[in-house]
Protein backbone atom coordinates (compact mmCIF):
# COMPACT_ATOMS: atom_id res chain seq x y z
CA UNK A 1 -17.51 6.05 10.13
CA UNK A 2 -17.56 7.73 6.66
CA UNK A 3 -15.01 8.56 4.00
CA UNK A 4 -14.92 10.11 0.53
CA UNK A 5 -18.36 11.12 -0.95
CA UNK A 6 -19.57 9.01 -4.16
CA UNK A 7 -22.40 9.44 -6.26
CA UNK A 8 -25.94 8.07 -5.03
CA UNK A 9 -27.24 4.78 -5.96
CA UNK A 10 -30.94 3.34 -6.22
CA UNK A 11 -30.43 1.97 -2.81
CA UNK A 12 -29.02 4.32 -0.56
CA UNK A 13 -28.76 2.11 2.41
CA UNK A 14 -27.85 -1.69 2.93
CA UNK A 15 -28.38 -2.93 6.33
CA UNK A 16 -26.98 -6.00 7.83
CA UNK A 17 -27.14 -7.42 11.44
CA UNK A 18 -24.99 -10.31 12.78
CA UNK A 19 -26.70 -11.63 16.05
CA UNK A 20 -25.69 -14.65 18.19
CA UNK A 21 -24.08 -15.37 21.62
CA UNK A 22 -21.05 -13.71 23.39
CA UNK A 23 -18.07 -15.50 22.62
CA UNK A 24 -18.76 -16.15 18.78
CA UNK A 25 -16.92 -12.96 17.81
CA UNK A 26 -19.91 -11.20 16.68
CA UNK A 27 -18.63 -7.94 17.45
CA UNK A 28 -15.08 -8.36 15.92
CA UNK A 29 -17.15 -9.31 12.50
CA UNK A 30 -19.13 -6.32 12.72
CA UNK A 31 -15.66 -4.20 12.94
CA UNK A 32 -14.17 -6.30 9.84
CA UNK A 33 -17.37 -5.74 7.69
CA UNK A 34 -17.38 -2.05 8.30
CA UNK A 35 -13.76 -2.00 7.66
CA UNK A 36 -14.34 -3.56 4.20
CA UNK A 37 -16.88 -1.16 3.35
CA UNK A 38 -14.51 1.70 3.87
CA UNK A 39 -11.86 0.03 1.77
CA UNK A 40 -14.50 0.19 -1.04
CA UNK A 41 -15.23 3.90 -0.45
CA UNK A 42 -18.32 3.62 0.99
CA UNK A 43 -19.99 5.66 3.72
CA UNK A 44 -20.33 3.16 6.69
CA UNK A 45 -22.16 3.20 10.04
CA UNK A 46 -21.37 0.22 12.73
CA UNK A 47 -22.75 -0.37 16.03
CA UNK A 48 -23.08 -3.01 18.62
CA UNK A 49 -24.55 -4.29 21.87
CA UNK A 50 -24.34 -7.22 24.00
CA UNK A 51 -25.70 -8.70 27.21
CA UNK A 52 -24.10 -8.71 30.58
CA UNK A 53 -22.29 -12.23 30.07
CA UNK A 54 -19.10 -12.41 28.40
CA UNK A 55 -19.70 -15.73 26.94
CA UNK A 56 -23.29 -16.98 26.48
CA UNK A 57 -25.34 -13.73 26.33
CA UNK A 58 -26.87 -12.00 23.59
CA UNK A 59 -24.57 -10.07 21.01
CA UNK A 60 -25.56 -8.04 18.07
CA UNK A 61 -23.43 -6.16 15.50
CA UNK A 62 -24.98 -3.88 12.92
CA UNK A 63 -23.40 -2.61 9.81
CA UNK A 64 -24.93 -0.06 7.24
CA UNK A 65 -23.51 0.50 3.87
CA UNK A 66 -24.48 3.36 1.69
CA UNK A 67 -23.19 5.44 -1.27
CA UNK A 68 -24.52 8.70 0.03
CA UNK A 69 -24.26 9.98 3.63
CA UNK A 70 -26.02 7.98 6.11
CA UNK A 71 -28.36 10.49 8.04
CA UNK A 72 -29.52 7.67 10.77
CA UNK A 73 -26.61 5.44 11.98
CA UNK A 74 -28.87 2.49 13.05
CA UNK A 75 -30.54 -0.24 11.58
CA UNK A 76 -34.35 0.16 11.02
CA UNK A 77 -35.27 -2.41 8.07
CA UNK A 78 -32.45 -5.22 7.71
CA UNK A 79 -31.58 -6.18 4.33
CA UNK A 80 -29.76 -9.28 5.69
CA UNK A 81 -29.84 -11.19 9.07
CA UNK A 82 -27.26 -13.56 9.97
CA UNK A 83 -28.07 -15.44 13.12
CA UNK A 84 -25.89 -17.91 14.91
CA UNK A 85 -28.38 -18.87 17.48
CA UNK A 86 -32.10 -19.87 17.48
CA UNK A 87 -32.79 -17.04 20.10
CA UNK A 88 -30.67 -14.64 17.98
CA UNK A 89 -33.11 -15.49 14.91
CA UNK A 90 -36.34 -15.57 16.81
CA UNK A 91 -35.59 -11.90 18.51
CA UNK A 92 -34.47 -10.19 15.18
CA UNK A 93 -36.88 -11.25 12.60
CA UNK A 94 -39.24 -8.35 13.40
CA UNK A 95 -36.89 -6.00 12.23
CA UNK A 96 -36.57 -7.51 8.99
CA UNK A 97 -37.11 -5.55 5.52
CA UNK A 98 -39.93 -7.32 3.66
CA UNK A 99 -37.78 -8.94 0.89
CA UNK A 100 -34.86 -9.20 3.23
CA UNK A 101 -32.48 -12.24 3.47
CA UNK A 102 -32.16 -14.42 6.56
CA UNK A 103 -28.81 -16.46 6.79
CA UNK A 104 -28.75 -19.06 9.87
CA UNK A 105 -26.04 -21.45 11.14
CA UNK A 106 -28.10 -24.59 10.12
CA UNK A 107 -26.40 -26.51 13.47
CA UNK A 108 -27.90 -23.91 16.04
CA UNK A 109 -31.01 -22.67 14.20
CA UNK A 110 -33.75 -25.36 13.51
CA UNK A 111 -36.78 -23.30 12.60
CA UNK A 112 -37.06 -19.64 10.83
CA UNK A 113 -40.36 -18.17 10.63
CA UNK A 114 -39.31 -16.11 7.37
CA UNK A 115 -39.79 -17.07 3.84
CA UNK A 116 -36.45 -16.13 2.45
CA UNK A 117 -33.96 -18.07 4.50
CA UNK A 118 -30.48 -19.57 3.52
CA UNK A 119 -29.18 -22.40 6.24
CA UNK A 120 -25.47 -22.71 6.13
CA UNK A 121 -23.32 -24.91 8.43
CA UNK A 122 -21.26 -22.06 9.61
CA UNK A 123 -20.25 -23.85 12.82
CA UNK A 124 -19.28 -27.07 11.17
CA UNK A 125 -17.28 -25.03 8.44
CA UNK A 126 -15.00 -23.62 11.43
CA UNK A 127 -14.60 -26.93 12.81
CA UNK A 128 -13.48 -28.34 9.31
CA UNK A 129 -10.78 -25.83 8.82
CA UNK A 130 -9.72 -26.65 12.62
CA UNK A 131 -10.51 -23.11 14.11
CA UNK A 132 -14.02 -23.31 15.99
CA UNK A 133 -13.90 -19.55 16.52
CA UNK A 134 -13.85 -18.89 12.84
CA UNK A 135 -17.66 -19.07 12.75
CA UNK A 136 -17.69 -15.19 12.70
CA UNK A 137 -15.60 -15.20 9.65
CA UNK A 138 -17.45 -18.08 8.00
CA UNK A 139 -20.48 -15.79 8.52
CA UNK A 140 -18.98 -12.86 6.55
CA UNK A 141 -18.20 -15.07 3.55
CA UNK A 142 -21.73 -16.44 3.72
CA UNK A 143 -22.72 -12.91 3.26
CA UNK A 144 -20.77 -11.69 0.33
CA UNK A 145 -22.62 -13.31 -2.80
CA UNK A 146 -25.72 -11.54 -1.25
CA UNK A 147 -24.40 -7.97 -0.54
CA UNK A 148 -24.04 -6.12 -3.86
CA UNK A 149 -21.61 -3.33 -2.26
CA UNK A 150 -18.90 -5.35 -0.83
CA UNK A 151 -16.36 -7.62 -2.64
CA UNK A 152 -14.36 -11.01 -1.28
CA UNK A 153 -11.16 -8.78 -1.78
CA UNK A 154 -12.20 -6.05 0.49
CA UNK A 155 -13.40 -8.43 3.18
CA UNK A 156 -10.23 -10.50 3.23
CA UNK A 157 -8.36 -7.50 3.28
CA UNK A 158 -10.15 -6.35 6.65
CA UNK A 159 -9.84 -9.68 8.16
CA UNK A 160 -6.02 -9.68 7.32
CA UNK A 161 -5.82 -6.47 9.04
CA UNK A 162 -7.57 -7.66 12.39
CA UNK A 163 -6.42 -11.33 12.77
CA UNK A 164 -3.14 -12.49 13.97
CA UNK A 165 -1.00 -14.09 11.18
CA UNK A 166 -1.27 -17.51 12.61
CA UNK A 167 -4.81 -17.51 12.74
CA UNK A 168 -5.33 -16.25 9.27
CA UNK A 169 -4.93 -19.12 6.99
CA UNK A 170 -7.54 -21.12 8.70
CA UNK A 171 -10.01 -18.16 8.72
CA UNK A 172 -9.59 -17.35 5.34
CA UNK A 173 -10.28 -20.97 4.70
CA UNK A 174 -13.76 -20.84 6.65
CA UNK A 175 -14.55 -17.57 4.74
CA UNK A 176 -14.28 -19.08 1.48
CA UNK A 177 -15.98 -22.26 2.40
CA UNK A 178 -19.18 -20.43 3.53
CA UNK A 179 -18.88 -18.03 0.57
CA UNK A 180 -18.81 -20.86 -2.01
CA UNK A 181 -21.74 -22.93 0.11
CA UNK A 182 -23.82 -19.49 -0.15
CA UNK A 183 -23.03 -19.18 -3.76
CA UNK A 184 -24.81 -22.28 -4.35
CA UNK A 185 -27.92 -21.06 -2.98
CA UNK A 186 -28.14 -17.86 -5.50
CA UNK A 187 -31.05 -18.34 -7.79
CA UNK A 188 -32.76 -21.09 -5.52
CA UNK A 189 -33.41 -19.49 -2.30
CA UNK A 190 -34.95 -21.83 0.29
CA UNK A 191 -38.48 -20.86 1.05
CA UNK A 192 -39.33 -21.81 4.56
CA UNK A 193 -43.14 -21.72 5.61
CA UNK A 194 -44.05 -20.26 9.07
CA UNK A 195 -44.34 -23.87 10.59
CA UNK A 196 -41.59 -25.59 8.46
CA UNK A 197 -38.45 -27.10 10.23
CA UNK A 198 -35.21 -27.75 8.11
CA UNK A 199 -32.09 -29.23 8.66
CA UNK A 200 -28.85 -29.76 6.42
């Protein structure tokens, strides 16, 4: 997907991968994130892959943002990985950029072999708002403070375009809870050693 040409920035690409299990809304999250980029006049590439199982299989959604044309539409070095399961975290760390950020659901991921890691209780946030399936939207909220190319307004607009009205209020609550949780990590990113386990 692409849209109006704008001037190049120092950082022409910003690569994001959301990974988890089937049934967690990973693909929809990627679609909504890509739409938010289009709303903000960015060039966007979005792709997805998932296992044969409808629920429980591996699911990945990738989004690339750029202020210049995207010459290769697949992620090669992730700026951000959002992992909603331990398996998703373990399998995708090898694709991280050297100074990339890993955001994990602290309930599902107990160990991260990556220095720059933020644990956020995404599943718990979704339960708190009474909508367990809002974990994917909570994941988008956790991303916003760390992605310089997208805004809360653009992402919430994309969410509203994709979700039924009766589900929207709870999902926006989950989004904002995760966003505020993530903001508290700015400036004090957790540094996890290769053998360190953490929990919230």
